[in-house]
Amino acid sequence: MSDPLPLSGVRVFELGSNLSGPYGTWILAALGADVVKVERPGGGDDARNWGPPFWNGAATVFHTTNRDKSSITVDLKDAEALAALRRRILDEADVVLQNFRPGVAEKLGLGSTQMCAEKPALIYCNLSAFGAKGPLSERPGFDALMQAFGGIMSVTGEDGQAPVRAGVSVVDMGTGMWCAIGILAALNRRRDTGRGGVVDTSLYETALGWSTYYTADVQVTGVAPKRHGSGVRGIAPYQAYECADGYLVVAASNDRLFAGLARELEHGEWLDDPRFADNPSRSNNREALNAMLMPIFKAEPRSHWQERLDAVGVPNAPIQHAGEVIEHPQTQALGIMQDTGQGMALTGLPISFDGERPPLRNIAPDLKE
């Protein structure tokens, strides 16, 4: 970028591992912050070994969330090394993000209350499993546990089948985003007041945030939400339909779009059927509607239906695997896949400033780099 990155000059210390905390600090690093990743000697961040696949000596997942950072190793059981780290944070840090197990930072003398008392301008972000207070606040947790406990798995997958975890770590990465948002807000406040402060977020709170309309639904209906596979509650037709050569998601999410779909499929009589008169009716009768739609879509390949639905303005998209996504002209046009120069591209920050995306500056560091 021609101008300095938005967080240039901000120094962040990352105390933690795995995915959620490192994803949050990667966002800050991509925005220009100087992120110092503190790892334990020997193995470092557990995510370095979360493979196969591996690339450049570490699991690919590690590379995705730790680029644009530097790494130091500190034996936190060594009193002298711990004291040196503490001093360095107090001398240099604008921001600390930690996702140790509950209570560990405090026992090490690196807790938010302790550090902010000595450096009032410090912004300190605590990332925990269940939150800063409550009966479960001391428990550890991981993404899959929170997808289960927070209700996400109860609405993911096909009705009547075993629960399914979302295929990406939506809770971990979502919590990292909340960390970054909270830190950015605190930096903005500090600019005006000179005062830092403590940001708290957790995996469980993120899961609750993603489940917001289901927690609203159950209070109104008194009924546990159902799973709708590739579809969604409250809208129909809005799901994947099998075609002759794969699946196509069709999103006729209002009456106008449904009318266009019905007419293009040569079933204008559906518009006079009281079961399909409006979206609430279609949602309540989705099984009957899908029973009519499925054999129609199955008879032709996806490209056939894409062309026809595009012509009448009905939103649709084929289900693509990651390789197809990378090669698609839209992905290429956005320039979001950033070449490392070493045989792999990494997905960049999904934000641009004045038409320019923050560049990839460095791949993830070797341990103690």
Protein backbone atom coordinates (compact mmCIF):
# COMPACT_ATOMS: atom_id res chain seq x y z
CA MET A 1 0.00 0.00 0.00
CA SER A 2 1.23 3.51 -0.77
CA ASP A 3 0.21 4.86 2.65
CA PRO A 4 1.25 3.30 5.98
CA LEU A 5 -0.95 0.46 7.13
CA PRO A 6 -3.60 1.56 9.65
CA LEU A 7 -1.90 -0.04 12.68
CA SER A 8 1.70 0.81 11.81
CA GLY A 9 3.58 1.64 15.00
CA VAL A 10 1.35 -0.46 17.27
CA ARG A 11 3.19 -3.28 19.07
CA VAL A 12 1.25 -6.37 20.14
CA PHE A 13 2.38 -9.29 22.29
CA GLU A 14 0.53 -12.55 21.69
CA LEU A 15 0.49 -14.93 24.67
CA GLY A 16 -1.25 -18.13 23.66
CA SER A 17 -1.62 -20.66 20.90
CA ASN A 18 -3.97 -22.69 18.73
CA LEU A 19 -6.34 -20.73 16.47
CA SER A 20 -8.57 -18.15 18.16
CA GLY A 21 -5.95 -15.84 19.69
CA PRO A 22 -3.52 -16.12 16.76
CA TYR A 23 -6.34 -15.35 14.31
CA GLY A 24 -7.11 -12.16 16.23
CA THR A 25 -3.48 -11.05 16.27
CA TRP A 26 -3.12 -11.96 12.58
CA ILE A 27 -5.87 -9.43 11.81
CA LEU A 28 -3.90 -6.81 13.71
CA ALA A 29 -0.66 -7.86 11.97
CA ALA A 30 -2.29 -7.67 8.54
CA LEU A 31 -3.40 -4.14 9.44
CA GLY A 32 0.21 -3.22 10.12
CA ALA A 33 0.78 -3.94 13.81
CA ASP A 34 4.12 -5.34 14.96
CA VAL A 35 3.04 -8.63 16.51
CA VAL A 36 5.47 -10.54 18.73
CA LYS A 37 4.34 -14.13 19.14
CA VAL A 38 5.52 -15.62 22.43
CA GLU A 39 5.98 -19.41 22.21
CA ARG A 40 7.28 -22.09 24.51
CA PRO A 41 10.71 -23.59 23.75
CA GLY A 42 10.75 -26.93 21.99
CA GLY A 43 7.44 -27.33 20.23
CA GLY A 44 6.06 -23.79 20.21
CA ASP A 45 2.41 -23.18 19.37
CA ASP A 46 0.45 -26.47 19.26
CA ALA A 47 -0.94 -25.42 15.87
CA ARG A 48 2.51 -25.87 14.33
CA ASN A 49 1.77 -29.61 14.46
CA TRP A 50 -1.92 -29.58 13.44
CA GLY A 51 -1.34 -31.54 10.25
CA PRO A 52 -0.92 -33.01 7.77
CA PRO A 53 -0.74 -31.16 5.51
CA PHE A 54 2.52 -29.35 6.31
CA TRP A 55 4.37 -26.63 4.43
CA ASN A 56 7.73 -25.04 5.22
CA GLY A 57 8.06 -27.09 8.41
CA ALA A 58 4.68 -26.30 9.97
CA ALA A 59 1.04 -27.22 9.47
CA THR A 60 -0.74 -25.16 6.83
CA VAL A 61 -3.26 -23.95 9.42
CA PHE A 62 -0.39 -22.40 11.39
CA HIS A 63 0.75 -20.46 8.33
CA THR A 64 -2.71 -19.05 7.72
CA THR A 65 -2.96 -17.36 11.13
CA ASN A 66 0.65 -16.45 11.94
CA ARG A 67 1.99 -14.66 8.89
CA ASP A 68 3.33 -11.12 9.31
CA LYS A 69 4.44 -11.87 12.91
CA SER A 70 7.77 -12.40 14.62
CA SER A 71 8.33 -15.20 17.14
CA ILE A 72 10.27 -15.43 20.40
CA THR A 73 10.50 -18.37 22.78
CA VAL A 74 10.22 -17.95 26.54
CA ASP A 75 10.39 -20.67 29.18
CA LEU A 76 7.63 -19.43 31.46
CA LYS A 77 8.88 -21.77 34.22
CA ASP A 78 12.19 -19.90 34.27
CA ALA A 79 11.80 -16.98 36.69
CA GLU A 80 14.50 -14.91 35.02
CA ALA A 81 13.10 -15.40 31.53
CA LEU A 82 9.57 -14.67 32.75
CA ALA A 83 10.72 -11.46 34.44
CA ALA A 84 12.47 -10.36 31.25
CA LEU A 85 9.31 -10.97 29.23
CA ARG A 86 7.23 -9.05 31.74
CA ARG A 87 9.63 -6.11 31.61
CA ARG A 88 9.66 -6.12 27.84
CA ILE A 89 5.86 -6.06 27.67
CA LEU A 90 5.69 -3.14 30.10
CA ASP A 91 8.38 -1.27 28.16
CA GLU A 92 7.19 -1.95 24.61
CA ALA A 93 3.61 -3.18 24.37
CA ASP A 94 0.57 -1.24 23.25
CA VAL A 95 -1.55 -4.39 23.29
CA VAL A 96 -1.43 -7.84 24.89
CA LEU A 97 -3.72 -10.68 23.79
CA GLN A 98 -3.69 -13.86 25.87
CA ASN A 99 -5.61 -17.11 25.59
CA PHE A 100 -3.89 -19.23 28.24
CA ARG A 101 -6.00 -21.60 30.31
CA PRO A 102 -8.01 -19.65 32.92
CA GLY A 103 -5.83 -18.43 35.78
CA VAL A 104 -2.47 -19.14 34.15
CA ALA A 105 -1.68 -15.53 33.21
CA GLU A 106 -2.43 -14.37 36.76
CA LYS A 107 -0.19 -17.05 38.29
CA LEU A 108 2.62 -15.95 36.01
CA GLY A 109 2.23 -12.31 37.03
CA LEU A 110 1.09 -11.47 33.49
CA GLY A 111 -2.63 -11.05 34.21
CA SER A 112 -4.64 -8.09 32.93
CA THR A 113 -5.22 -6.53 36.37
CA GLN A 114 -1.54 -6.74 37.26
CA MET A 115 -0.18 -5.47 33.96
CA CYS A 116 -2.70 -2.65 33.49
CA ALA A 117 -2.08 -1.42 37.05
CA GLU A 118 1.59 -0.98 36.20
CA LYS A 119 0.93 0.42 32.71
CA PRO A 120 -2.44 2.21 32.56
CA ALA A 121 -2.06 2.87 28.81
CA LEU A 122 -1.85 -0.87 28.06
CA ILE A 123 -4.72 -2.50 26.20
CA TYR A 124 -5.07 -6.08 27.42
CA CYS A 125 -7.38 -8.61 25.75
CA ASN A 126 -8.41 -11.78 27.61
CA LEU A 127 -9.71 -14.58 25.41
CA SER A 128 -11.23 -17.42 27.43
CA ALA A 129 -13.45 -20.41 26.77
CA PHE A 130 -16.61 -19.60 28.73
CA GLY A 131 -16.15 -15.95 29.70
CA ALA A 132 -14.77 -13.82 32.51
CA LYS A 133 -17.37 -14.80 35.10
CA GLY A 134 -19.94 -17.48 35.84
CA PRO A 135 -19.89 -21.10 37.05
CA LEU A 136 -17.95 -22.34 34.01
CA SER A 137 -15.46 -19.45 33.78
CA GLU A 138 -12.55 -21.64 34.92
CA ARG A 139 -13.13 -24.39 32.37
CA PRO A 140 -11.03 -24.71 29.22
CA GLY A 141 -12.68 -25.19 25.84
CA PHE A 142 -12.22 -25.60 22.11
CA ASP A 143 -14.14 -24.71 18.95
CA ALA A 144 -16.03 -28.00 18.59
CA LEU A 145 -17.06 -27.96 22.26
CA MET A 146 -18.49 -24.48 21.85
CA GLN A 147 -20.30 -25.34 18.65
CA ALA A 148 -21.94 -28.08 20.71
CA PHE A 149 -22.55 -26.20 23.96
CA GLY A 150 -23.54 -22.93 22.29
CA GLY A 151 -26.26 -24.50 20.15
CA ILE A 152 -24.62 -24.32 16.72
CA MET A 153 -24.35 -28.07 16.21
CA SER A 154 -28.01 -28.51 17.15
CA VAL A 155 -28.99 -26.62 13.98
CA THR A 156 -26.22 -27.88 11.66
CA GLY A 157 -26.71 -30.90 9.41
CA GLU A 158 -29.75 -32.83 8.25
CA ASP A 159 -32.82 -33.26 10.43
CA GLY A 160 -32.94 -36.73 11.97
CA GLN A 161 -29.24 -37.34 11.36
CA ALA A 162 -26.24 -37.06 13.68
CA PRO A 163 -25.15 -33.50 14.59
CA VAL A 164 -22.52 -31.96 12.35
CA ARG A 165 -19.77 -29.48 13.20
CA ALA A 166 -19.42 -26.53 10.84
CA GLY A 167 -16.62 -27.33 8.41
CA VAL A 168 -14.56 -24.29 9.38
CA SER A 169 -13.64 -23.13 12.89
CA VAL A 170 -16.35 -20.48 13.05
CA VAL A 171 -16.14 -20.07 16.84
CA ASP A 172 -12.34 -19.85 17.04
CA MET A 173 -12.01 -17.46 14.12
CA GLY A 174 -15.07 -15.50 15.13
CA THR A 175 -13.65 -14.98 18.61
CA GLY A 176 -10.39 -13.79 17.09
CA MET A 177 -12.42 -11.22 15.15
CA TRP A 178 -14.13 -10.03 18.35
CA CYS A 179 -10.70 -9.67 19.94
CA ALA A 180 -9.54 -7.49 17.05
CA ILE A 181 -12.74 -5.42 17.11
CA GLY A 182 -12.46 -4.87 20.86
CA ILE A 183 -8.78 -3.95 20.61
CA LEU A 184 -9.44 -1.51 17.77
CA ALA A 185 -12.19 0.15 19.80
CA ALA A 186 -9.87 0.39 22.82
CA LEU A 187 -7.09 1.91 20.68
CA ASN A 188 -9.57 4.50 19.43
CA ARG A 189 -10.56 5.36 23.01
CA ARG A 190 -6.93 5.52 24.11
CA ARG A 191 -6.18 8.03 21.37
CA ASP A 192 -8.67 10.40 23.00
CA THR A 193 -8.11 9.60 26.69
CA GLY A 194 -4.61 8.14 26.96
CA ARG A 195 -6.15 5.28 28.92
CA GLY A 196 -5.90 1.62 28.00
CA GLY A 197 -8.06 -1.05 29.59
CA VAL A 198 -9.19 -4.64 29.55
CA VAL A 199 -11.10 -6.32 26.71
CA ASP A 200 -12.80 -9.63 27.54
CA THR A 201 -14.31 -12.06 25.09
CA SER A 202 -14.76 -15.83 24.87
CA LEU A 203 -15.53 -18.75 22.61
CA TYR A 204 -18.88 -19.29 24.31
CA GLU A 205 -19.96 -15.69 23.85
CA THR A 206 -19.08 -15.94 20.15
CA ALA A 207 -21.18 -19.11 19.80
CA LEU A 208 -24.07 -17.32 21.49
CA GLY A 209 -23.60 -14.37 19.16
CA TRP A 210 -23.74 -16.58 16.06
CA SER A 211 -26.88 -18.29 17.41
CA THR A 212 -28.73 -15.03 18.01
CA TYR A 213 -31.82 -15.63 15.86
CA TYR A 214 -32.23 -19.18 17.15
CA THR A 215 -32.20 -18.00 20.76
CA ALA A 216 -34.84 -15.45 19.74
CA ASP A 217 -36.90 -18.12 17.93
CA VAL A 218 -37.07 -20.56 20.83
CA GLN A 219 -38.37 -17.88 23.19
CA VAL A 220 -41.24 -17.13 20.80
CA THR A 221 -42.09 -20.70 19.81
CA GLY A 222 -41.08 -22.71 22.86
CA VAL A 223 -39.80 -25.34 20.43
CA ALA A 224 -36.17 -26.36 19.91
CA PRO A 225 -34.96 -25.27 16.44
CA LYS A 226 -34.69 -27.94 13.74
CA ARG A 227 -31.80 -28.69 11.39
CA HIS A 228 -32.36 -27.81 7.75
CA GLY A 229 -29.24 -29.17 6.06
CA SER A 230 -28.10 -26.69 3.40
CA GLY A 231 -31.23 -24.63 4.00
CA VAL A 232 -32.18 -22.18 6.70
CA ARG A 233 -35.12 -21.66 8.99
CA GLY A 234 -37.76 -19.18 7.86
CA ILE A 235 -36.95 -19.02 4.11
CA ALA A 236 -37.90 -21.39 1.28
CA PRO A 237 -36.73 -22.28 -1.28
CA TYR A 238 -33.25 -21.45 -0.02
CA GLN A 239 -30.95 -24.48 -0.14
CA ALA A 240 -28.83 -26.79 -2.28
CA TYR A 241 -30.52 -28.92 -4.94
CA GLU A 242 -28.84 -31.87 -6.60
CA CYS A 243 -28.34 -31.45 -10.32
CA ALA A 244 -27.10 -33.98 -12.86
CA ASP A 245 -23.46 -33.11 -12.11
CA GLY A 246 -23.39 -31.67 -8.59
CA TYR A 247 -25.26 -29.31 -6.29
CA LEU A 248 -26.61 -25.83 -6.88
CA VAL A 249 -27.80 -23.53 -4.10
CA VAL A 250 -30.94 -21.65 -5.09
CA ALA A 251 -32.01 -18.62 -3.06
CA ALA A 252 -35.53 -17.51 -3.95
CA SER A 253 -35.83 -15.58 -0.71
CA ASN A 254 -38.88 -13.44 -1.42
CA ASP A 255 -42.17 -13.59 -3.32
CA ARG A 256 -40.82 -11.84 -6.41
CA LEU A 257 -37.91 -14.25 -6.74
CA PHE A 258 -40.14 -17.26 -6.15
CA ALA A 259 -42.46 -16.08 -8.90
CA GLY A 260 -39.51 -15.80 -11.29
CA LEU A 261 -38.35 -19.29 -10.32
CA ALA A 262 -41.78 -20.86 -10.73
CA ARG A 263 -42.34 -19.32 -14.14
CA GLU A 264 -38.86 -20.21 -15.40
CA LEU A 265 -39.44 -23.82 -14.32
CA GLU A 266 -42.75 -23.71 -16.19
CA HIS A 267 -44.84 -24.18 -13.07
CA GLY A 268 -46.79 -20.97 -12.90
CA GLU A 269 -49.57 -22.87 -11.13
CA TRP A 270 -47.44 -22.86 -7.98
CA LEU A 271 -48.21 -19.16 -7.66
CA ASP A 272 -51.91 -20.01 -7.16
CA ASP A 273 -51.22 -22.75 -4.63
CA PRO A 274 -52.07 -21.46 -1.12
CA ARG A 275 -49.21 -23.54 0.31
CA PHE A 276 -46.76 -21.32 -1.57
CA ALA A 277 -48.63 -18.00 -1.45
CA ASP A 278 -45.93 -16.20 0.54
CA ASN A 279 -42.65 -16.93 2.27
CA PRO A 280 -44.15 -18.04 5.63
CA SER A 281 -46.41 -20.45 3.73
CA ARG A 282 -43.51 -21.81 1.69
CA SER A 283 -41.40 -22.20 4.82
CA ASN A 284 -44.18 -24.14 6.54
CA ASN A 285 -44.57 -26.36 3.46
CA ARG A 286 -40.94 -26.70 2.44
CA GLU A 287 -41.10 -30.52 2.26
CA ALA A 288 -43.89 -30.40 -0.32
CA LEU A 289 -42.17 -27.66 -2.30
CA ASN A 290 -38.83 -29.49 -2.29
CA ALA A 291 -40.50 -32.69 -3.43
CA MET A 292 -41.51 -30.80 -6.57
CA LEU A 293 -38.23 -28.98 -7.10
CA MET A 294 -35.78 -31.83 -6.58
CA PRO A 295 -36.60 -33.96 -9.65
CA ILE A 296 -36.65 -30.88 -11.85
CA PHE A 297 -33.13 -29.81 -10.90
CA LYS A 298 -31.82 -33.39 -10.98
CA ALA A 299 -32.69 -33.68 -14.68
CA GLU A 300 -30.08 -31.17 -15.95
CA PRO A 301 -26.49 -30.12 -15.12
CA ARG A 302 -25.72 -27.11 -12.94
CA SER A 303 -24.65 -24.92 -15.86
CA HIS A 304 -28.08 -25.37 -17.45
CA TRP A 305 -29.86 -24.12 -14.35
CA GLN A 306 -27.33 -21.38 -13.66
CA GLU A 307 -27.90 -19.93 -17.12
CA ARG A 308 -31.68 -20.06 -16.81
CA LEU A 309 -31.88 -18.73 -13.27
CA ASP A 310 -29.38 -15.96 -14.00
CA ALA A 311 -31.56 -14.89 -16.93
CA VAL A 312 -34.52 -14.26 -14.61
CA GLY A 313 -32.52 -12.86 -11.73
CA VAL A 314 -32.87 -15.75 -9.26
CA PRO A 315 -29.69 -15.90 -7.11
CA ASN A 316 -27.83 -19.20 -7.30
CA ALA A 317 -24.37 -20.65 -6.78
CA PRO A 318 -22.73 -24.03 -7.33
CA ILE A 319 -21.12 -25.76 -4.36
CA GLN A 320 -17.39 -25.50 -5.04
CA HIS A 321 -14.43 -27.11 -3.32
CA ALA A 322 -11.44 -25.02 -2.21
CA GLY A 323 -9.45 -25.62 -5.39
CA GLU A 324 -12.34 -24.42 -7.55
CA VAL A 325 -12.74 -21.36 -5.32
CA ILE A 326 -9.07 -20.41 -5.78
CA GLU A 327 -9.26 -20.73 -9.57
CA HIS A 328 -12.55 -18.89 -10.03
CA PRO A 329 -12.21 -15.62 -12.00
CA GLN A 330 -14.01 -13.70 -9.24
CA THR A 331 -11.47 -14.82 -6.64
CA GLN A 332 -8.65 -13.95 -9.01
CA ALA A 333 -10.12 -10.53 -9.77
CA LEU A 334 -10.27 -9.64 -6.07
CA GLY A 335 -6.57 -10.38 -5.60
CA ILE A 336 -7.30 -11.87 -2.20
CA MET A 337 -5.03 -14.88 -2.75
CA GLN A 338 -1.59 -13.50 -1.90
CA ASP A 339 1.43 -15.31 -3.31
CA THR A 340 4.13 -16.27 -0.83
CA GLY A 341 6.66 -16.76 -3.62
CA GLN A 342 7.22 -20.27 -2.31
CA GLY A 343 4.59 -22.29 -4.12
CA MET A 344 1.53 -21.38 -2.06
CA ALA A 345 -0.86 -18.44 -1.82
CA LEU A 346 -2.51 -17.39 1.43
CA THR A 347 -5.90 -15.75 1.73
CA GLY A 348 -5.47 -12.08 2.54
CA LEU A 349 -7.45 -9.86 4.85
CA PRO A 350 -11.04 -9.50 3.53
CA ILE A 351 -10.79 -5.68 3.69
CA SER A 352 -9.41 -3.08 1.31
CA PHE A 353 -8.56 0.56 1.99
CA ASP A 354 -9.00 3.01 -0.90
CA GLY A 355 -9.07 0.03 -3.23
CA GLU A 356 -5.89 -1.58 -1.87
CA ARG A 357 -5.75 -4.74 0.22
CA PRO A 358 -3.11 -4.88 2.97
CA PRO A 359 -0.25 -6.88 1.45
CA LEU A 360 1.33 -10.11 2.66
CA ARG A 361 4.63 -8.98 4.15
CA ASN A 362 6.06 -12.24 5.54
CA ILE A 363 5.06 -15.86 5.93
CA ALA A 364 4.73 -17.31 9.44
CA PRO A 365 7.98 -17.26 11.40
CA ASP A 366 10.08 -20.26 12.27
CA LEU A 367 10.16 -21.00 15.97
CA LYS A 368 12.27 -18.32 17.70
CA GLU A 369 12.79 -16.49 14.41
